[in-house]
C-alpha atoms as a PDB file:
ATOM      1  CA  MET A   1      56.680 110.019 101.887  1.00  0.00           C
ATOM      2  CA  ILE A   2      60.400 109.406 101.666  1.00  0.00           C
ATOM      3  CA  TYR A   3      62.234 106.365 100.352  1.00  0.00           C
ATOM      4  CA  VAL A   4      65.997 105.717 100.086  1.00  0.00           C
ATOM      5  CA  LEU A   5      66.917 103.530  97.113  1.00  0.00           C
ATOM      6  CA  PRO A   6      70.310 101.892  96.596  1.00  0.00           C
ATOM      7  CA  SER A   7      72.077 102.703  93.336  1.00  0.00           C
ATOM      8  CA  PRO A   8      75.540 102.214  91.846  1.00  0.00           C
ATOM      9  CA  LEU A   9      76.010 105.963  92.407  1.00  0.00           C
ATOM     10  CA  GLY A  10      75.174 105.850  96.094  1.00  0.00           C
ATOM     11  CA  PRO A  11      71.879 106.127  97.940  1.00  0.00           C
ATOM     12  CA  VAL A  12      69.078 107.986  96.170  1.00  0.00           C
ATOM     13  CA  LEU A  13      66.610 109.931  98.288  1.00  0.00           C
ATOM     14  CA  LEU A  14      63.120 109.940  96.749  1.00  0.00           C
ATOM     15  CA  LYS A  15      60.483 112.322  98.049  1.00  0.00           C
ATOM     16  CA  PHE A  16      56.875 111.801  97.066  1.00  0.00           C
ATOM     17  CA  SER A  17      53.842 114.009  97.358  1.00  0.00           C
ATOM     18  CA  SER A  18      50.300 112.765  96.937  1.00  0.00           C
ATOM     19  CA  ARG A  19      50.616 113.759  93.245  1.00  0.00           C
ATOM     20  CA  GLY A  20      53.837 111.909  92.380  1.00  0.00           C
ATOM     21  CA  LEU A  21      57.597 111.986  92.660  1.00  0.00           C
ATOM     22  CA  ALA A  22      58.599 115.474  93.810  1.00  0.00           C
ATOM     23  CA  SER A  23      62.364 115.099  94.147  1.00  0.00           C
ATOM     24  CA  LEU A  24      65.255 112.740  93.536  1.00  0.00           C
ATOM     25  CA  GLU A  25      68.567 113.441  95.221  1.00  0.00           C
ATOM     26  CA  PHE A  26      71.840 111.539  95.217  1.00  0.00           C
ATOM     27  CA  LEU A  27      73.138 111.453  98.770  1.00  0.00           C
ATOM     28  CA  ALA A  28      76.804 112.183  99.441  1.00  0.00           C
ATOM     29  CA  VAL A  29      77.005 109.904 102.455  1.00  0.00           C
ATOM     30  CA  ASP A  30      75.808 106.412 103.117  1.00  0.00           C
ATOM     31  CA  VAL A  31      72.514 106.298 104.960  1.00  0.00           C
ATOM     32  CA  PRO A  32      70.331 103.366 105.886  1.00  0.00           C
ATOM     33  CA  LEU A  33      68.321 102.142 102.927  1.00  0.00           C
ATOM     34  CA  SER A  34      64.563 101.949 103.222  1.00  0.00           C
ATOM     35  CA  GLY A  35      64.156  98.226 102.599  1.00  0.00           C
ATOM     36  CA  ASN A  36      60.802  96.877 101.462  1.00  0.00           C
ATOM     37  CA  LEU A  37      58.106  99.324 100.525  1.00  0.00           C
ATOM     38  CA  PRO A  38      55.145  99.357 102.885  1.00  0.00           C
ATOM     39  CA  GLU A  39      52.159  97.749 101.177  1.00  0.00           C
ATOM     40  CA  SER A  40      50.024 100.667 102.305  1.00  0.00           C
ATOM     41  CA  TRP A  41      51.968 103.101 100.095  1.00  0.00           C
ATOM     42  CA  PRO A  42      50.335 104.116  96.802  1.00  0.00           C
ATOM     43  CA  VAL A  43      50.994 101.967  93.739  1.00  0.00           C
ATOM     44  CA  PHE A  44      52.680 104.852  91.903  1.00  0.00           C
ATOM     45  CA  ILE A  45      55.445 104.881  94.534  1.00  0.00           C
ATOM     46  CA  GLN A  46      56.012 101.158  94.080  1.00  0.00           C
ATOM     47  CA  GLU A  47      56.100 101.633  90.290  1.00  0.00           C
ATOM     48  CA  THR A  48      58.558 104.531  90.563  1.00  0.00           C
ATOM     49  CA  VAL A  49      60.921 102.601  92.836  1.00  0.00           C
ATOM     50  CA  ALA A  50      60.717  99.535  90.568  1.00  0.00           C
ATOM     51  CA  ALA A  51      61.388 101.614  87.433  1.00  0.00           C
ATOM     52  CA  LEU A  52      64.433 103.279  88.986  1.00  0.00           C
ATOM     53  CA  ALA A  53      65.770  99.966  90.309  1.00  0.00           C
ATOM     54  CA  ALA A  54      65.425  98.444  86.818  1.00  0.00           C
ATOM     55  CA  TYR A  55      67.147 101.460  85.264  1.00  0.00           C
ATOM     56  CA  PHE A  56      70.115 101.266  87.628  1.00  0.00           C
ATOM     57  CA  ALA A  57      70.322  97.484  87.113  1.00  0.00           C
ATOM     58  CA  GLY A  58      70.722  98.096  83.371  1.00  0.00           C
ATOM     59  CA  ALA A  59      67.392  96.569  82.406  1.00  0.00           C
ATOM     60  CA  GLY A  60      66.236  99.804  80.852  1.00  0.00           C
ATOM     61  CA  SER A  61      63.103 101.484  81.932  1.00  0.00           C
ATOM     62  CA  SER A  62      60.545 103.917  80.706  1.00  0.00           C
ATOM     63  CA  PHE A  63      59.657 106.690  83.065  1.00  0.00           C
ATOM     64  CA  SER A  64      56.983 108.205  80.816  1.00  0.00           C
ATOM     65  CA  SER A  65      54.005 106.842  82.758  1.00  0.00           C
ATOM     66  CA  LEU A  66      55.268 107.789  86.220  1.00  0.00           C
ATOM     67  CA  PRO A  67      53.388 110.614  87.940  1.00  0.00           C
ATOM     68  CA  LEU A  68      55.683 113.540  88.676  1.00  0.00           C
ATOM     69  CA  ASP A  69      54.998 116.503  90.910  1.00  0.00           C
ATOM     70  CA  MET A  70      57.201 119.040  89.137  1.00  0.00           C
ATOM     71  CA  ARG A  71      57.183 122.552  90.483  1.00  0.00           C
ATOM     72  CA  GLY A  72      58.988 125.398  88.796  1.00  0.00           C
ATOM     73  CA  THR A  73      58.590 128.479  86.689  1.00  0.00           C
ATOM     74  CA  PRO A  74      56.713 128.174  83.393  1.00  0.00           C
ATOM     75  CA  PHE A  75      60.060 128.269  81.547  1.00  0.00           C
ATOM     76  CA  GLN A  76      61.588 125.570  83.771  1.00  0.00           C
ATOM     77  CA  LEU A  77      58.550 123.360  83.253  1.00  0.00           C
ATOM     78  CA  ARG A  78      58.880 123.783  79.457  1.00  0.00           C
ATOM     79  CA  VAL A  79      62.571 122.855  79.601  1.00  0.00           C
ATOM     80  CA  TRP A  80      61.863 119.811  81.770  1.00  0.00           C
ATOM     81  CA  GLN A  81      59.065 118.691  79.431  1.00  0.00           C
ATOM     82  CA  GLU A  82      61.388 119.014  76.437  1.00  0.00           C
ATOM     83  CA  LEU A  83      64.104 117.034  78.261  1.00  0.00           C
ATOM     84  CA  GLN A  84      61.777 114.073  78.489  1.00  0.00           C
ATOM     85  CA  THR A  85      61.818 113.791  74.674  1.00  0.00           C
ATOM     86  CA  VAL A  86      65.587 113.129  74.542  1.00  0.00           C
ATOM     87  CA  PRO A  87      65.876 109.348  74.102  1.00  0.00           C
ATOM     88  CA  CYS A  88      67.970 107.145  76.349  1.00  0.00           C
ATOM     89  CA  GLY A  89      71.469 106.772  74.913  1.00  0.00           C
ATOM     90  CA  HIS A  90      71.366 110.139  73.130  1.00  0.00           C
ATOM     91  CA  THR A  91      72.543 113.620  73.996  1.00  0.00           C
ATOM     92  CA  LEU A  92      71.740 117.174  72.917  1.00  0.00           C
ATOM     93  CA  SER A  93      73.655 120.378  73.402  1.00  0.00           C
ATOM     94  CA  TYR A  94      72.356 123.221  75.529  1.00  0.00           C
ATOM     95  CA  GLN A  95      72.035 125.179  72.273  1.00  0.00           C
ATOM     96  CA  ASP A  96      70.028 122.409  70.589  1.00  0.00           C
ATOM     97  CA  LEU A  97      67.689 122.221  73.568  1.00  0.00           C
ATOM     98  CA  ALA A  98      67.213 126.000  73.565  1.00  0.00           C
ATOM     99  CA  ALA A  99      66.512 125.930  69.816  1.00  0.00           C
ATOM    100  CA  GLY A 100      63.986 123.120  70.314  1.00  0.00           C
ATOM    101  CA  LEU A 101      62.153 125.398  72.730  1.00  0.00           C
ATOM    102  CA  GLY A 102      62.051 128.139  70.090  1.00  0.00           C
ATOM    103  CA  LYS A 103      64.539 130.223  72.096  1.00  0.00           C
ATOM    104  CA  PRO A 104      67.917 129.641  70.406  1.00  0.00           C
ATOM    105  CA  ARG A 105      69.650 132.377  72.403  1.00  0.00           C
ATOM    106  CA  ALA A 106      68.478 131.078  75.793  1.00  0.00           C
ATOM    107  CA  CYS A 107      71.359 128.633  76.428  1.00  0.00           C
ATOM    108  CA  ARG A 108      72.158 130.107  79.838  1.00  0.00           C
ATOM    109  CA  ALA A 109      68.518 130.099  80.896  1.00  0.00           C
ATOM    110  CA  VAL A 110      68.290 126.470  79.794  1.00  0.00           C
ATOM    111  CA  GLY A 111      71.382 125.691  81.883  1.00  0.00           C
ATOM    112  CA  GLN A 112      69.807 127.331  84.918  1.00  0.00           C
ATOM    113  CA  ALA A 113      66.593 125.337  84.413  1.00  0.00           C
ATOM    114  CA  LEU A 114      68.643 122.134  84.233  1.00  0.00           C
ATOM    115  CA  LYS A 115      70.437 123.087  87.444  1.00  0.00           C
ATOM    116  CA  ALA A 116      67.054 123.557  89.163  1.00  0.00           C
ATOM    117  CA  ASN A 117      65.704 120.166  87.988  1.00  0.00           C
ATOM    118  CA  PRO A 118      64.338 118.460  91.131  1.00  0.00           C
ATOM    119  CA  ILE A 119      64.071 115.022  89.504  1.00  0.00           C
ATOM    120  CA  PRO A 120      67.353 114.204  87.718  1.00  0.00           C
ATOM    121  CA  VAL A 121      67.589 110.842  85.932  1.00  0.00           C
ATOM    122  CA  ILE A 122      63.822 110.738  85.331  1.00  0.00           C
ATOM    123  CA  ILE A 123      63.947 114.283  83.926  1.00  0.00           C
ATOM    124  CA  PRO A 124      67.212 113.488  82.117  1.00  0.00           C
ATOM    125  CA  CYS A 125      69.223 116.704  82.378  1.00  0.00           C
ATOM    126  CA  HIS A 126      72.381 114.562  82.256  1.00  0.00           C
ATOM    127  CA  ARG A 127      71.710 114.074  78.514  1.00  0.00           C
ATOM    128  CA  ILE A 128      72.483 117.727  77.809  1.00  0.00           C
ATOM    129  CA  ILE A 129      76.114 118.453  77.014  1.00  0.00           C
ATOM    130  CA  ALA A 130      78.167 121.390  75.747  1.00  0.00           C
ATOM    131  CA  GLN A 131      78.291 122.181  72.036  1.00  0.00           C
ATOM    132  CA  ASP A 132      81.933 120.980  71.885  1.00  0.00           C
ATOM    133  CA  GLY A 133      80.944 117.577  73.317  1.00  0.00           C
ATOM    134  CA  SER A 134      82.258 118.224  76.827  1.00  0.00           C
ATOM    135  CA  LEU A 135      79.980 117.243  79.656  1.00  0.00           C
ATOM    136  CA  GLY A 136      79.347 120.666  81.168  1.00  0.00           C
ATOM    137  CA  GLY A 137      77.920 120.829  84.661  1.00  0.00           C
ATOM    138  CA  TYR A 138      75.620 118.550  86.592  1.00  0.00           C
ATOM    139  CA  ARG A 139      74.320 119.348  90.062  1.00  0.00           C
ATOM    140  CA  PRO A 140      74.767 115.733  91.325  1.00  0.00           C
ATOM    141  CA  GLY A 141      78.355 115.815  90.001  1.00  0.00           C
ATOM    142  CA  VAL A 142      80.067 115.388  86.644  1.00  0.00           C
ATOM    143  CA  ALA A 143      81.294 111.889  87.592  1.00  0.00           C
ATOM    144  CA  ARG A 144      77.656 110.820  88.039  1.00  0.00           C
ATOM    145  CA  LYS A 145      76.728 112.465  84.726  1.00  0.00           C
ATOM    146  CA  ARG A 146      79.497 110.531  82.955  1.00  0.00           C
ATOM    147  CA  TRP A 147      78.361 107.275  84.599  1.00  0.00           C
ATOM    148  CA  LEU A 148      74.709 107.860  83.630  1.00  0.00           C
ATOM    149  CA  LEU A 149      75.608 108.627  80.004  1.00  0.00           C
ATOM    150  CA  GLU A 150      77.850 105.554  79.739  1.00  0.00           C
ATOM    151  CA  HIS A 151      75.212 103.424  81.454  1.00  0.00           C
ATOM    152  CA  GLU A 152      72.509 104.612  79.071  1.00  0.00           C
ATOM    153  CA  GLN A 153      74.750 104.174  76.041  1.00  0.00           C
ATOM    154  CA  GLN A 154      75.323 100.564  77.088  1.00  0.00           C
ATOM    155  CA  MET A 155      71.592 100.001  77.682  1.00  0.00           C
ATOM    156  CA  TRP A 156      70.782 101.577  74.320  1.00  0.00           C
ATOM    157  CA  VAL A 157      73.336  99.398  72.525  1.00  0.00           C
ATOM    158  CA  ASP A 158      71.998  96.285  74.260  1.00  0.00           C
ATOM    159  CA  ASN A 159      68.298  97.229  73.902  1.00  0.00           C
ATOM    160  CA  PRO A 160      67.866  99.747  71.021  1.00  0.00           C
END
């Protein structure tokens, strides 16, 4: 099932499997939004859309209970699991994330796992920055990464 959600960063394409959210992609062009969710769709889809809408509206949101259908290598899955422990409004360096995985020399591998993240925002790869404090890369674009970090910092300040 596919749903297109409006966001301040442009339309967000959500793809769901029967197990959960499988991908989240910022679209580069405007496309028609999906409108109301069909009542026949599973509750977890409605909860995911509501959580993302609340997040983008600045109301804060916890994504921890949402079912995700993450598919990747064992290392990627470990990185993505670890990412989910980085609190909203906070950042870590690639090196800190690698060290937290018990692989302090795996910064590049961590970066590649972040690049392959199919569910950005919910799996918050935007919270990982370079050791010198620069933003580093972000597949959906560095401008979106900056916006997400500023947005989360504001939410965190307003709702610690």
